[in-house]
Amino acid sequence: MRFRLLVFLASALILGPVQAQQPPVSAKNAMVVTSEPLATDVGVRILKQGGNAFDAAVAVGFTLAVTYPQAGNLGGGGFLVGLTQHGTPMALDFRETAPKAATRDMFLDESGNLIPDKSLTSYKAVGVPGTVDGLLQLQAKFGRLTLEQDIAPAIRLAKFGFPVSAALHRVLESERARLGKIGPTAAIFYPDGEPIAEGATLIQSDLGAALQRILADGRKGFYEGDTAAMLAAVMEREGGLITQQDLKDYHAKWRSAFTVREGEFELITMPLPSSGGVTLAQILGLSDLGVLKRAGHNTADYVQQLAEAERLAYADRNQYLGDSDFANVPISELTSRTYLSTRKKLLPVGHAGSNKDEGSGVLEHRQTTHFCVVDKDGNVAAISYTLNGTFGMGAVLPGAGFLLNNEMDDFTAKVGAPNTYGLKQGEANAIQPKKRMLSSMTPTVIMRNGRFFGTIGSPGGSTIITTVLQVFLNMALFDMNIREAIDAPRFHEQGWPDEIRYEQESFSPEAADSLRKMGYTLTPDPGLGQVNGIVRLPDGGLQGWSDSRGSGKAAGF
């Protein structure tokens, strides 16, 4: 799930004087926030037509597959965390699965070494997609409108086109060397060998036809019939593993949401195969929020304490977490006070910790996109979905027009070997047929004293969890509004590689100097995450914000 900042090259630009004075977007009744303005507009129109938050989320999900091809998708997967108007939480897992023919060592050579890029760019990198089934299940169970009403905007945009934005043109320019070599992809996005120009009309007829088949036949229009046959044929021809039976057998799963309690707040988020909930619980359990608040936002002491909690939590993430339908994951022990008290003893005071000492506990490019909707009745939908890498593995499926994911890289291809995000993962996340790969996507609904407070989420691969955490802490500890909390500069520590990644202006020069003296390696990063969020104000109104690191839009009425 890689995310590459393409709109802003430094956080200094994000937090310039004009942006710093701009208030969040306000609305009385309902709000939609996405990373692509056309998709936001679609969501708002659906709400005005009488749809609820779940209709709008389905419409946005299908629309982003057309207008935000670097991450929006039919060929990927993701998670929904939601809240009904009656306050009932929900979690829908439409993560991709490994094909039945997948094997544990499928990305290793005869000597047991990783084959470079095989888990990222080959057709074997593609997991069985889940997005379509997930969106259809959500629409059928909670939607108020018809499927035709919810999917029609995406079909129109695919068949008749839309003006290419500056942001889409830039990302296509940055990916030209890779995508321009792949025939079906180049034919759509690189006419005459050049990225389609800003302002030109992008028509995706094959994608429109694939969406039309979904409208006509529901899940059979994607997981069976012509689309499934096209995908299986390409897999057989190019050495991939997905068969028509793999597609027919795929089903999204409704799960119990994972709740993290912290003082007056509850964070309702995803359970496994998302690592977000468990890892958030561990970081918060290892931290003293009172001490963090007194230290002050992004001071050296604040960063040191939070970074060390993150280091320990990621060590456990990598060692123990995986698809709980396949692996026996000791969630209650990992998040227990007894266990976390033991782990706290490893937290260093005033200096950097060591990966050599932390281990894991002993128990007695990144390209994703997040969007969220709150309607007038209080229904909440927060969805993070992905192709994994930017444009997935890069290939468009001929005849269906959608991009294929490279999610198989999120499995543990080799225990102890880092994946594309630098995560050294364990046996619990090893490749198995029909298994869901571990994810960091963390769509989150926040409750305060039992009432809806807000919802946030982000792309960013392994940085998603710490991004969501910091936005929450910005609001909970430092009383920032949703715009301030999202746009504030961020940092990230995951233990390996042993460094604190930080955005420009995250720390004062004095704080940065103190951190280096403590023994930390500070590595600049052009941008960590791209958060979209909505909060409910005390008067019942809504405020929303789409991260200034991107080119998204918050809108409501």
Protein backbone atom coordinates (compact mmCIF):
# COMPACT_ATOMS: atom_id res chain seq x y z
CA MET A 1 0.00 0.00 0.00
CA ARG A 2 2.53 2.62 -0.98
CA PHE A 3 1.72 6.30 -0.95
CA ARG A 4 3.90 8.80 -2.68
CA LEU A 5 3.31 12.50 -2.10
CA LEU A 6 2.91 14.05 -5.52
CA VAL A 7 1.20 17.36 -4.92
CA PHE A 8 3.47 18.86 -2.25
CA LEU A 9 7.18 18.29 -1.91
CA ALA A 10 7.51 19.52 1.65
CA SER A 11 5.33 20.05 4.66
CA ALA A 12 6.44 23.67 4.67
CA LEU A 13 4.23 24.17 1.63
CA ILE A 14 1.38 22.39 3.37
CA LEU A 15 1.50 24.65 6.39
CA GLY A 16 2.05 27.95 4.62
CA PRO A 17 0.32 31.12 5.86
CA VAL A 18 -2.72 30.84 3.57
CA GLN A 19 -3.46 27.20 4.43
CA ALA A 20 -2.79 27.79 8.12
CA GLN A 21 -5.63 30.35 8.23
CA GLN A 22 -8.14 28.30 6.26
CA PRO A 23 -10.91 26.85 8.45
CA PRO A 24 -12.30 23.33 8.06
CA VAL A 25 -15.25 22.83 5.72
CA SER A 26 -18.52 23.06 7.66
CA ALA A 27 -21.94 21.55 6.99
CA LYS A 28 -25.16 21.29 8.95
CA ASN A 29 -26.53 17.97 7.70
CA ALA A 30 -24.03 15.71 5.98
CA MET A 31 -20.41 15.58 4.84
CA VAL A 32 -18.28 13.66 2.32
CA VAL A 33 -14.47 13.74 2.27
CA THR A 34 -12.39 11.98 -0.39
CA SER A 35 -9.02 12.37 -2.07
CA GLU A 36 -10.56 13.24 -5.46
CA PRO A 37 -13.01 16.14 -5.96
CA LEU A 38 -15.25 14.48 -8.56
CA ALA A 39 -15.80 11.55 -6.22
CA THR A 40 -16.69 13.91 -3.36
CA ASP A 41 -19.24 15.62 -5.59
CA VAL A 42 -20.76 12.26 -6.48
CA GLY A 43 -21.11 11.37 -2.80
CA VAL A 44 -22.82 14.67 -1.99
CA ARG A 45 -25.27 14.24 -4.90
CA ILE A 46 -26.19 10.75 -3.69
CA LEU A 47 -26.93 12.14 -0.22
CA LYS A 48 -29.07 14.92 -1.68
CA GLN A 49 -30.99 12.33 -3.70
CA GLY A 50 -32.03 10.65 -0.45
CA GLY A 51 -29.25 8.13 -0.12
CA ASN A 52 -27.61 7.45 3.22
CA ALA A 53 -23.92 7.37 4.14
CA PHE A 54 -23.58 3.82 2.88
CA ASP A 55 -25.09 4.61 -0.53
CA ALA A 56 -22.72 7.55 -0.80
CA ALA A 57 -19.75 5.41 0.21
CA VAL A 58 -20.61 2.79 -2.43
CA ALA A 59 -21.00 5.48 -5.08
CA VAL A 60 -17.68 7.07 -4.07
CA GLY A 61 -15.93 3.67 -4.07
CA PHE A 62 -17.02 2.90 -7.63
CA THR A 63 -16.32 6.45 -8.79
CA LEU A 64 -12.76 6.50 -7.45
CA ALA A 65 -12.09 3.38 -9.53
CA VAL A 66 -12.64 5.67 -12.52
CA THR A 67 -11.29 9.06 -11.42
CA TYR A 68 -8.49 8.05 -9.03
CA PRO A 69 -6.92 5.03 -10.75
CA GLN A 70 -3.68 5.09 -8.73
CA ALA A 71 -5.61 3.75 -5.71
CA GLY A 72 -9.35 3.71 -6.38
CA ASN A 73 -10.20 0.30 -7.71
CA LEU A 74 -12.30 -2.64 -8.75
CA GLY A 75 -9.26 -4.91 -8.71
CA GLY A 76 -8.09 -4.42 -5.13
CA GLY A 77 -9.57 -4.69 -1.67
CA GLY A 78 -10.04 -2.95 1.64
CA PHE A 79 -12.00 -2.40 4.83
CA LEU A 80 -15.09 -0.56 6.02
CA VAL A 81 -15.66 0.62 9.56
CA GLY A 82 -19.10 2.10 10.09
CA LEU A 83 -21.68 3.23 12.58
CA THR A 84 -25.44 3.07 12.13
CA GLN A 85 -27.69 5.93 13.16
CA HIS A 86 -28.54 3.85 16.23
CA GLY A 87 -24.88 3.71 17.29
CA THR A 88 -24.20 0.12 16.22
CA PRO A 89 -20.62 -0.37 14.98
CA MET A 90 -19.79 -2.53 11.97
CA ALA A 91 -16.69 -3.78 10.18
CA LEU A 92 -16.56 -5.26 6.68
CA ASP A 93 -13.44 -7.06 5.49
CA PHE A 94 -13.12 -7.10 1.72
CA ARG A 95 -9.36 -7.66 1.75
CA GLU A 96 -7.90 -9.67 -1.12
CA THR A 97 -7.05 -13.35 -0.68
CA ALA A 98 -4.27 -15.59 -1.94
CA PRO A 99 -5.28 -17.80 -4.88
CA LYS A 100 -5.71 -21.50 -4.22
CA ALA A 101 -2.52 -22.23 -6.17
CA ALA A 102 -0.41 -19.89 -3.99
CA THR A 103 2.42 -21.48 -2.03
CA ARG A 104 4.45 -20.40 0.97
CA ASP A 105 7.74 -20.00 -0.94
CA MET A 106 6.35 -18.81 -4.27
CA PHE A 107 8.56 -15.69 -4.36
CA LEU A 108 11.83 -17.47 -3.48
CA ASP A 109 14.48 -18.93 -5.77
CA GLU A 110 16.01 -22.41 -5.44
CA SER A 111 18.43 -21.11 -2.82
CA GLY A 112 15.63 -19.70 -0.69
CA ASN A 113 16.35 -16.07 -1.57
CA LEU A 114 13.72 -13.53 -2.55
CA ILE A 115 13.39 -13.05 -6.31
CA PRO A 116 13.60 -9.27 -6.81
CA ASP A 117 10.26 -7.60 -7.58
CA LYS A 118 8.42 -10.86 -8.26
CA SER A 119 5.94 -10.08 -5.47
CA LEU A 120 5.38 -6.59 -6.90
CA THR A 121 5.44 -6.64 -10.70
CA SER A 122 4.62 -10.17 -11.84
CA TYR A 123 1.11 -11.53 -12.37
CA LYS A 124 1.76 -13.84 -9.43
CA ALA A 125 1.69 -10.70 -7.28
CA VAL A 126 -2.06 -10.33 -7.80
CA GLY A 127 -4.42 -11.34 -5.01
CA VAL A 128 -8.07 -12.27 -5.58
CA PRO A 129 -9.84 -8.87 -5.55
CA GLY A 130 -12.46 -8.06 -2.94
CA THR A 131 -13.62 -4.49 -3.55
CA VAL A 132 -16.60 -5.28 -5.75
CA ASP A 133 -18.08 -7.87 -3.40
CA GLY A 134 -17.47 -5.57 -0.43
CA LEU A 135 -19.23 -2.59 -2.00
CA LEU A 136 -22.12 -4.77 -3.21
CA GLN A 137 -22.60 -6.32 0.23
CA LEU A 138 -22.58 -2.90 1.85
CA GLN A 139 -25.12 -1.56 -0.64
CA ALA A 140 -27.43 -4.56 -0.29
CA LYS A 141 -27.38 -4.60 3.51
CA PHE A 142 -27.48 -0.91 4.38
CA GLY A 143 -28.15 1.12 1.23
CA ARG A 144 -31.37 3.08 0.83
CA LEU A 145 -31.20 3.67 -2.92
CA THR A 146 -30.94 1.17 -5.76
CA LEU A 147 -27.64 -0.19 -7.00
CA GLU A 148 -28.31 1.56 -10.30
CA GLN A 149 -28.49 4.93 -8.55
CA ASP A 150 -25.28 4.26 -6.64
CA ILE A 151 -23.21 2.97 -9.56
CA ALA A 152 -24.58 5.13 -12.40
CA PRO A 153 -22.23 8.10 -11.74
CA ALA A 154 -19.16 5.89 -12.10
CA ILE A 155 -20.49 4.35 -15.32
CA ARG A 156 -21.13 7.79 -16.82
CA LEU A 157 -17.67 9.05 -15.88
CA ALA A 158 -16.03 5.96 -17.38
CA LYS A 159 -18.03 5.92 -20.63
CA PHE A 160 -18.22 9.64 -21.34
CA GLY A 161 -15.05 10.71 -19.59
CA PHE A 162 -13.92 13.51 -17.31
CA PRO A 163 -11.25 16.22 -17.52
CA VAL A 164 -7.85 15.00 -16.33
CA SER A 165 -6.83 16.95 -13.23
CA ALA A 166 -3.39 18.40 -12.64
CA ALA A 167 -2.90 15.87 -9.83
CA LEU A 168 -3.72 12.86 -12.04
CA HIS A 169 -1.49 14.17 -14.81
CA ARG A 170 1.41 14.54 -12.37
CA VAL A 171 1.10 11.01 -11.02
CA LEU A 172 0.94 9.61 -14.56
CA GLU A 173 4.05 11.60 -15.44
CA SER A 174 5.88 10.22 -12.41
CA GLU A 175 4.93 6.63 -13.34
CA ARG A 176 5.60 6.96 -17.07
CA ALA A 177 8.74 4.78 -17.12
CA ARG A 178 6.88 1.87 -15.54
CA LEU A 179 3.32 2.12 -16.85
CA GLY A 180 4.22 3.33 -20.32
CA LYS A 181 5.78 -0.06 -21.08
CA ILE A 182 2.61 -2.02 -20.30
CA GLY A 183 0.48 -2.11 -23.45
CA PRO A 184 -3.10 -2.13 -22.10
CA THR A 185 -2.21 0.49 -19.48
CA ALA A 186 -0.34 2.72 -21.90
CA ALA A 187 -3.24 2.64 -24.35
CA ILE A 188 -5.49 4.30 -21.77
CA PHE A 189 -3.20 6.66 -19.90
CA TYR A 190 -0.36 7.34 -22.38
CA PRO A 191 -1.82 8.08 -25.81
CA ASP A 192 0.99 8.75 -28.31
CA GLY A 193 3.48 7.76 -25.61
CA GLU A 194 2.78 10.78 -23.40
CA PRO A 195 0.74 11.04 -20.20
CA ILE A 196 -2.75 12.17 -21.03
CA ALA A 197 -2.74 15.94 -20.80
CA GLU A 198 -4.22 17.99 -18.01
CA GLY A 199 -7.69 19.07 -19.09
CA ALA A 200 -8.02 16.34 -21.73
CA THR A 201 -11.02 14.01 -21.48
CA LEU A 202 -10.14 10.56 -20.16
CA ILE A 203 -12.58 7.95 -21.49
CA GLN A 204 -12.36 4.38 -20.16
CA SER A 205 -14.83 2.38 -22.24
CA ASP A 206 -13.74 -1.07 -21.07
CA LEU A 207 -14.00 0.01 -17.44
CA GLY A 208 -17.47 1.38 -18.15
CA ALA A 209 -18.44 -1.97 -19.64
CA ALA A 210 -17.12 -3.82 -16.58
CA LEU A 211 -19.15 -1.54 -14.30
CA GLN A 212 -22.21 -2.10 -16.52
CA ARG A 213 -21.82 -5.86 -16.09
CA ILE A 214 -21.77 -5.39 -12.31
CA LEU A 215 -24.97 -3.34 -12.53
CA ALA A 216 -26.66 -5.94 -14.72
CA ASP A 217 -25.66 -9.09 -12.83
CA GLY A 218 -24.45 -8.01 -9.38
CA ARG A 219 -21.49 -9.99 -8.02
CA LYS A 220 -21.84 -12.50 -10.87
CA GLY A 221 -21.08 -9.62 -13.23
CA PHE A 222 -17.58 -9.49 -11.79
CA TYR A 223 -16.80 -12.82 -10.11
CA GLU A 224 -18.34 -14.91 -12.88
CA GLY A 225 -19.15 -14.34 -16.54
CA ASP A 226 -17.13 -12.28 -18.99
CA THR A 227 -15.03 -10.28 -16.50
CA ALA A 228 -13.97 -13.38 -14.57
CA ALA A 229 -13.14 -15.19 -17.81
CA MET A 230 -11.02 -12.26 -19.00
CA LEU A 231 -9.08 -12.16 -15.74
CA ALA A 232 -8.52 -15.92 -15.61
CA ALA A 233 -7.36 -15.96 -19.24
CA VAL A 234 -4.78 -13.22 -18.65
CA MET A 235 -3.55 -15.03 -15.53
CA GLU A 236 -3.08 -18.27 -17.43
CA ARG A 237 -1.31 -16.52 -20.31
CA GLU A 238 1.00 -14.39 -18.12
CA GLY A 239 1.87 -16.92 -15.43
CA GLY A 240 -0.52 -15.64 -12.76
CA LEU A 241 -2.46 -17.87 -10.37
CA ILE A 242 -6.04 -16.59 -10.15
CA THR A 243 -8.65 -18.90 -11.67
CA GLN A 244 -12.37 -18.48 -12.32
CA GLN A 245 -12.98 -20.72 -9.32
CA ASP A 246 -10.90 -18.41 -7.10
CA LEU A 247 -13.11 -15.53 -8.16
CA LYS A 248 -16.35 -17.42 -7.71
CA ASP A 249 -15.30 -18.52 -4.22
CA TYR A 250 -14.39 -15.02 -2.97
CA HIS A 251 -16.64 -13.41 -0.33
CA ALA A 252 -16.20 -10.35 1.83
CA LYS A 253 -16.66 -10.96 5.57
CA TRP A 254 -18.57 -9.02 8.20
CA ARG A 255 -16.52 -8.93 11.39
CA SER A 256 -16.81 -7.51 14.87
CA ALA A 257 -15.16 -4.11 15.03
CA PHE A 258 -12.07 -3.73 17.21
CA THR A 259 -12.47 -1.14 19.97
CA VAL A 260 -9.61 0.68 21.69
CA ARG A 261 -10.59 2.56 24.86
CA GLU A 262 -8.55 5.54 26.02
CA GLY A 263 -10.07 7.73 28.73
CA GLU A 264 -13.27 9.34 27.49
CA PHE A 265 -12.57 8.15 23.94
CA GLU A 266 -13.25 4.91 22.10
CA LEU A 267 -11.59 4.19 18.76
CA ILE A 268 -13.70 1.80 16.71
CA THR A 269 -11.47 0.34 14.04
CA MET A 270 -10.61 -2.81 12.07
CA PRO A 271 -9.77 -6.20 13.53
CA LEU A 272 -7.42 -8.64 11.83
CA PRO A 273 -6.39 -9.01 9.06
CA SER A 274 -5.85 -5.29 9.64
CA SER A 275 -3.03 -4.76 12.10
CA GLY A 276 -4.39 -1.28 12.80
CA GLY A 277 -6.60 -2.00 15.81
CA VAL A 278 -4.18 -4.18 17.75
CA THR A 279 -1.19 -1.94 17.04
CA LEU A 280 -3.07 1.21 17.99
CA ALA A 281 -4.13 -0.46 21.24
CA GLN A 282 -0.54 -1.41 22.00
CA ILE A 283 0.94 2.03 21.26
CA LEU A 284 -1.68 3.75 23.40
CA GLY A 285 -1.26 1.13 26.13
CA LEU A 286 2.49 1.67 26.16
CA SER A 287 2.12 5.46 26.30
CA ASP A 288 1.19 7.81 29.13
CA LEU A 289 -1.06 10.41 27.50
CA GLY A 290 -0.76 12.75 30.47
CA VAL A 291 3.01 12.75 30.13
CA LEU A 292 2.73 13.28 26.37
CA LYS A 293 0.40 16.24 26.83
CA ARG A 294 2.70 17.87 29.36
CA ALA A 295 5.69 17.30 27.06
CA GLY A 296 3.98 19.30 24.31
CA HIS A 297 3.25 18.61 20.66
CA ASN A 298 6.26 17.24 18.74
CA THR A 299 8.79 18.24 21.40
CA ALA A 300 11.84 16.00 21.78
CA ASP A 301 10.35 14.27 24.84
CA TYR A 302 7.01 13.75 23.08
CA VAL A 303 8.65 12.24 20.02
CA GLN A 304 11.02 10.06 22.04
CA GLN A 305 8.27 8.53 24.15
CA LEU A 306 5.84 7.95 21.30
CA ALA A 307 8.53 6.62 18.95
CA GLU A 308 9.66 4.02 21.48
CA ALA A 309 6.07 2.86 22.05
CA GLU A 310 5.70 2.54 18.28
CA ARG A 311 8.96 0.58 18.02
CA LEU A 312 7.76 -2.06 20.51
CA ALA A 313 4.26 -2.25 19.04
CA TYR A 314 5.58 -2.80 15.50
CA ALA A 315 7.91 -5.55 16.75
CA ASP A 316 4.85 -7.41 18.05
CA ARG A 317 2.89 -6.58 14.92
CA ASN A 318 5.50 -8.19 12.73
CA GLN A 319 5.99 -11.22 14.96
CA TYR A 320 2.45 -12.19 15.89
CA LEU A 321 -0.18 -10.70 13.59
CA GLY A 322 -1.80 -12.30 10.57
CA ASP A 323 -5.17 -13.46 9.28
CA SER A 324 -6.88 -14.79 12.41
CA ASP A 325 -8.88 -17.25 10.30
CA PHE A 326 -5.57 -19.04 9.66
CA ALA A 327 -3.21 -18.09 12.48
CA ASN A 328 -3.75 -18.35 16.22
CA VAL A 329 -3.14 -14.72 17.14
CA PRO A 330 -3.10 -13.99 20.92
CA ILE A 331 -4.94 -10.67 20.66
CA SER A 332 -6.24 -10.50 24.22
CA GLU A 333 -2.77 -11.21 25.63
CA LEU A 334 -1.05 -8.71 23.32
CA THR A 335 -3.37 -5.93 24.44
CA SER A 336 -3.66 -6.90 28.14
CA ARG A 337 -2.49 -4.56 30.90
CA THR A 338 -0.28 -7.30 32.31
CA TYR A 339 1.57 -7.83 29.06
CA LEU A 340 1.88 -4.14 28.23
CA SER A 341 3.17 -3.41 31.74
CA THR A 342 5.94 -5.92 31.09
CA ARG A 343 6.73 -4.33 27.74
CA LYS A 344 6.80 -0.85 29.27
CA LYS A 345 9.87 -1.89 31.26
CA LEU A 346 11.77 -1.98 27.95
CA LEU A 347 10.98 1.64 27.12
CA PRO A 348 14.16 3.73 27.39
CA VAL A 349 14.08 7.13 29.07
CA GLY A 350 15.91 9.99 27.42
CA HIS A 351 17.69 7.96 24.75
CA ALA A 352 17.00 5.86 21.69
CA GLY A 353 16.07 2.23 22.07
CA SER A 354 17.75 -0.61 20.24
CA ASN A 355 16.21 -3.07 17.82
CA LYS A 356 18.71 -5.63 19.11
CA ASP A 357 17.13 -5.52 22.55
CA GLU A 358 13.45 -5.11 21.79
CA GLY A 359 12.78 -8.43 20.05
CA SER A 360 9.12 -9.22 20.39
CA GLY A 361 7.30 -9.85 23.60
CA VAL A 362 7.04 -13.22 25.28
CA LEU A 363 3.41 -14.03 26.05
CA GLU A 364 2.35 -16.04 29.45
CA HIS A 365 4.29 3.65 -2.20
CA ARG A 366 2.15 2.65 -0.39
CA GLN A 367 -0.86 3.71 -2.36
CA THR A 368 -4.20 3.44 -0.68
CA THR A 369 -7.03 5.90 -0.42
CA HIS A 370 -9.42 6.64 2.41
CA PHE A 371 -12.83 8.30 2.27
CA CYS A 372 -15.55 8.97 4.82
CA VAL A 373 -19.20 9.97 4.89
CA VAL A 374 -21.55 11.14 7.66
CA ASP A 375 -25.22 11.61 6.81
CA LYS A 376 -28.04 13.64 8.37
CA ASP A 377 -29.29 10.65 10.36
CA GLY A 378 -25.93 9.91 11.97
CA ASN A 379 -24.85 6.96 9.83
CA VAL A 380 -21.08 6.88 9.37
CA ALA A 381 -19.01 5.09 6.70
CA ALA A 382 -15.20 5.06 6.74
CA ILE A 383 -13.50 3.07 3.97
CA SER A 384 -9.84 2.47 3.18
CA TYR A 385 -9.16 0.47 0.03
CA THR A 386 -6.11 -0.16 -2.10
CA LEU A 387 -4.21 -1.76 -4.96
CA ASN A 388 -1.13 -1.86 -2.69
CA GLY A 389 1.41 -0.11 -4.93
CA THR A 390 0.62 2.99 -6.97
CA PHE A 391 -1.54 1.63 -9.83
CA GLY A 392 -1.02 -1.83 -8.29
CA MET A 393 1.25 -4.07 -10.33
CA GLY A 394 0.71 -1.71 -13.24
CA ALA A 395 -1.34 -3.78 -15.66
CA VAL A 396 -4.88 -2.98 -16.80
CA LEU A 397 -7.07 -5.99 -17.55
CA PRO A 398 -7.89 -5.86 -21.29
CA GLY A 399 -11.62 -5.78 -21.92
CA ALA A 400 -12.41 -4.77 -18.33
CA GLY A 401 -10.28 -1.65 -17.95
CA PHE A 402 -9.36 -1.95 -14.28
CA LEU A 403 -5.90 -2.18 -12.75
CA LEU A 404 -4.61 -5.31 -11.05
CA ASN A 405 -3.29 -5.23 -7.49
CA ASN A 406 0.08 -6.44 -6.17
CA GLU A 407 -1.19 -7.33 -2.70
CA MET A 408 0.69 -10.63 -2.45
CA ASP A 409 3.71 -8.53 -1.40
CA ASP A 410 1.93 -7.84 1.90
CA PHE A 411 2.40 -11.46 2.92
CA THR A 412 5.59 -12.67 4.56
CA ALA A 413 7.43 -13.88 1.47
CA LYS A 414 10.39 -14.87 3.65
CA VAL A 415 10.48 -14.66 7.44
CA GLY A 416 12.83 -11.86 8.51
CA ALA A 417 13.17 -10.33 5.03
CA PRO A 418 11.68 -6.82 4.64
CA ASN A 419 8.83 -6.22 2.23
CA THR A 420 8.41 -3.06 0.14
CA TYR A 421 7.58 -1.08 3.32
CA GLY A 422 10.59 -2.31 5.26
CA LEU A 423 8.43 -4.56 7.47
CA LYS A 424 10.13 -7.77 8.58
CA GLN A 425 7.14 -9.99 9.22
CA GLY A 426 6.62 -13.37 10.84
CA GLU A 427 5.19 -16.82 10.25
CA ALA A 428 1.64 -15.76 11.16
CA ASN A 429 1.50 -13.80 7.90
CA ALA A 430 3.06 -16.49 5.67
CA ILE A 431 1.38 -17.21 2.33
CA GLN A 432 -1.43 -19.78 2.35
CA PRO A 433 -4.21 -20.42 -0.19
CA LYS A 434 -7.37 -18.33 0.44
CA LYS A 435 -5.65 -16.45 3.28
CA ARG A 436 -5.93 -12.68 3.63
CA MET A 437 -2.64 -10.80 3.80
CA LEU A 438 -1.92 -8.60 6.82
CA SER A 439 -2.73 -4.92 6.29
CA SER A 440 -2.03 -1.60 7.99
CA MET A 441 -5.22 0.10 6.76
CA THR A 442 -6.94 1.65 9.77
CA PRO A 443 -10.31 3.26 9.01
CA THR A 444 -11.45 4.56 12.38
CA VAL A 445 -14.60 5.94 14.01
CA ILE A 446 -14.00 7.88 17.24
CA MET A 447 -16.56 8.02 20.05
CA ARG A 448 -16.39 10.45 22.97
CA ASN A 449 -18.36 9.64 26.09
CA GLY A 450 -20.44 7.21 24.08
CA ARG A 451 -21.34 9.62 21.27
CA PHE A 452 -19.96 9.97 17.76
CA PHE A 453 -17.02 12.37 17.78
CA GLY A 454 -15.35 11.86 14.41
CA THR A 455 -13.89 9.57 11.79
CA ILE A 456 -10.43 9.51 10.22
CA GLY A 457 -8.27 7.33 8.00
CA SER A 458 -5.28 7.51 5.68
CA PRO A 459 -3.14 5.81 3.07
CA GLY A 460 0.57 5.33 3.72
CA GLY A 461 1.46 1.64 3.99
CA SER A 462 3.10 0.88 7.32
CA THR A 463 2.82 4.57 8.30
CA ILE A 464 -1.00 4.49 8.30
CA ILE A 465 -1.28 3.41 11.92
CA THR A 466 1.01 6.11 13.30
CA THR A 467 -0.63 8.71 11.07
CA VAL A 468 -4.10 7.89 12.40
CA LEU A 469 -2.69 7.83 15.94
CA GLN A 470 -1.13 11.28 15.67
CA VAL A 471 -4.23 12.88 14.18
CA PHE A 472 -6.27 11.43 17.06
CA LEU A 473 -3.75 12.67 19.64
CA ASN A 474 -3.69 16.10 18.02
CA MET A 475 -7.42 16.40 18.70
CA ALA A 476 -7.58 14.55 22.04
CA LEU A 477 -4.51 16.06 23.72
CA PHE A 478 -4.03 19.41 22.02
CA ASP A 479 -7.60 20.43 21.12
CA MET A 480 -6.79 20.93 17.44
CA ASN A 481 -9.70 21.21 15.04
CA ILE A 482 -9.95 18.65 12.24
CA ARG A 483 -7.97 20.78 9.77
CA GLU A 484 -5.20 21.54 12.26
CA ALA A 485 -5.02 17.93 13.41
CA ILE A 486 -4.75 16.59 9.86
CA ASP A 487 -2.36 19.18 8.46
CA ALA A 488 0.05 19.17 11.41
CA PRO A 489 3.45 17.66 10.46
CA ARG A 490 3.98 14.00 11.38
CA PHE A 491 6.70 11.44 12.13
CA HIS A 492 6.96 7.65 12.09
CA GLU A 493 9.01 4.91 13.79
CA GLN A 494 8.54 1.22 13.03
CA GLY A 495 11.74 -0.28 14.40
CA TRP A 496 13.11 -1.43 11.07
CA PRO A 497 14.66 0.43 9.39
CA ASP A 498 15.91 1.98 12.64
CA GLU A 499 15.07 5.61 12.01
CA ILE A 500 12.47 8.25 12.72
CA ARG A 501 10.99 9.44 9.45
CA TYR A 502 9.70 12.98 9.69
CA GLU A 503 8.12 15.66 7.56
CA GLN A 504 9.82 19.01 7.14
CA GLU A 505 9.04 21.31 10.09
CA SER A 506 7.84 18.40 12.22
CA PHE A 507 10.37 19.39 14.88
CA SER A 508 11.98 22.62 15.92
CA PRO A 509 15.74 22.78 15.32
CA GLU A 510 16.23 22.41 19.07
CA ALA A 511 14.01 19.32 19.23
CA ALA A 512 15.75 17.74 16.25
CA ASP A 513 19.15 18.39 17.83
CA SER A 514 18.00 16.83 21.12
CA LEU A 515 16.69 13.74 19.33
CA ARG A 516 19.97 13.25 17.51
CA LYS A 517 21.85 13.58 20.79
CA MET A 518 19.58 10.87 22.21
CA GLY A 519 20.86 8.58 19.48
CA TYR A 520 18.08 8.80 16.88
CA THR A 521 18.60 8.79 13.14
CA LEU A 522 16.22 11.37 11.62
CA THR A 523 15.25 10.76 7.99
CA PRO A 524 13.27 13.43 6.10
CA ASP A 525 10.14 12.25 4.31
CA PRO A 526 8.25 14.36 1.72
CA GLY A 527 4.88 13.36 3.17
CA LEU A 528 3.39 10.83 5.59
CA GLY A 529 -0.17 9.86 4.76
CA GLN A 530 -3.07 11.75 3.28
CA VAL A 531 -5.79 11.87 5.91
CA ASN A 532 -9.47 12.50 5.29
CA GLY A 533 -11.68 13.16 8.30
CA ILE A 534 -14.96 14.46 9.69
CA VAL A 535 -15.89 15.56 13.22
CA ARG A 536 -19.21 16.30 14.90
CA LEU A 537 -19.29 19.65 16.70
CA PRO A 538 -21.04 20.19 20.06
CA ASP A 539 -23.90 22.03 18.28
CA GLY A 540 -24.50 19.00 16.03
CA GLY A 541 -22.87 20.48 12.94
CA LEU A 542 -20.09 18.77 10.99
CA GLN A 543 -16.60 19.81 9.98
CA GLY A 544 -14.48 17.97 7.46
CA TRP A 545 -11.05 18.24 5.92
CA SER A 546 -9.09 16.57 3.14
CA ASP A 547 -5.36 16.60 3.84
CA SER A 548 -3.47 19.54 2.32
CA ARG A 549 -0.81 17.02 1.33
CA GLY A 550 -3.15 15.92 -1.44
CA SER A 551 -5.72 17.39 -3.79
CA GLY A 552 -8.92 16.02 -2.28
CA LYS A 553 -12.12 17.73 -1.24
CA ALA A 554 -14.48 17.96 1.71
CA ALA A 555 -18.05 19.02 0.95
CA GLY A 556 -21.46 18.82 2.52
CA PHE A 557 -24.75 20.57 2.96
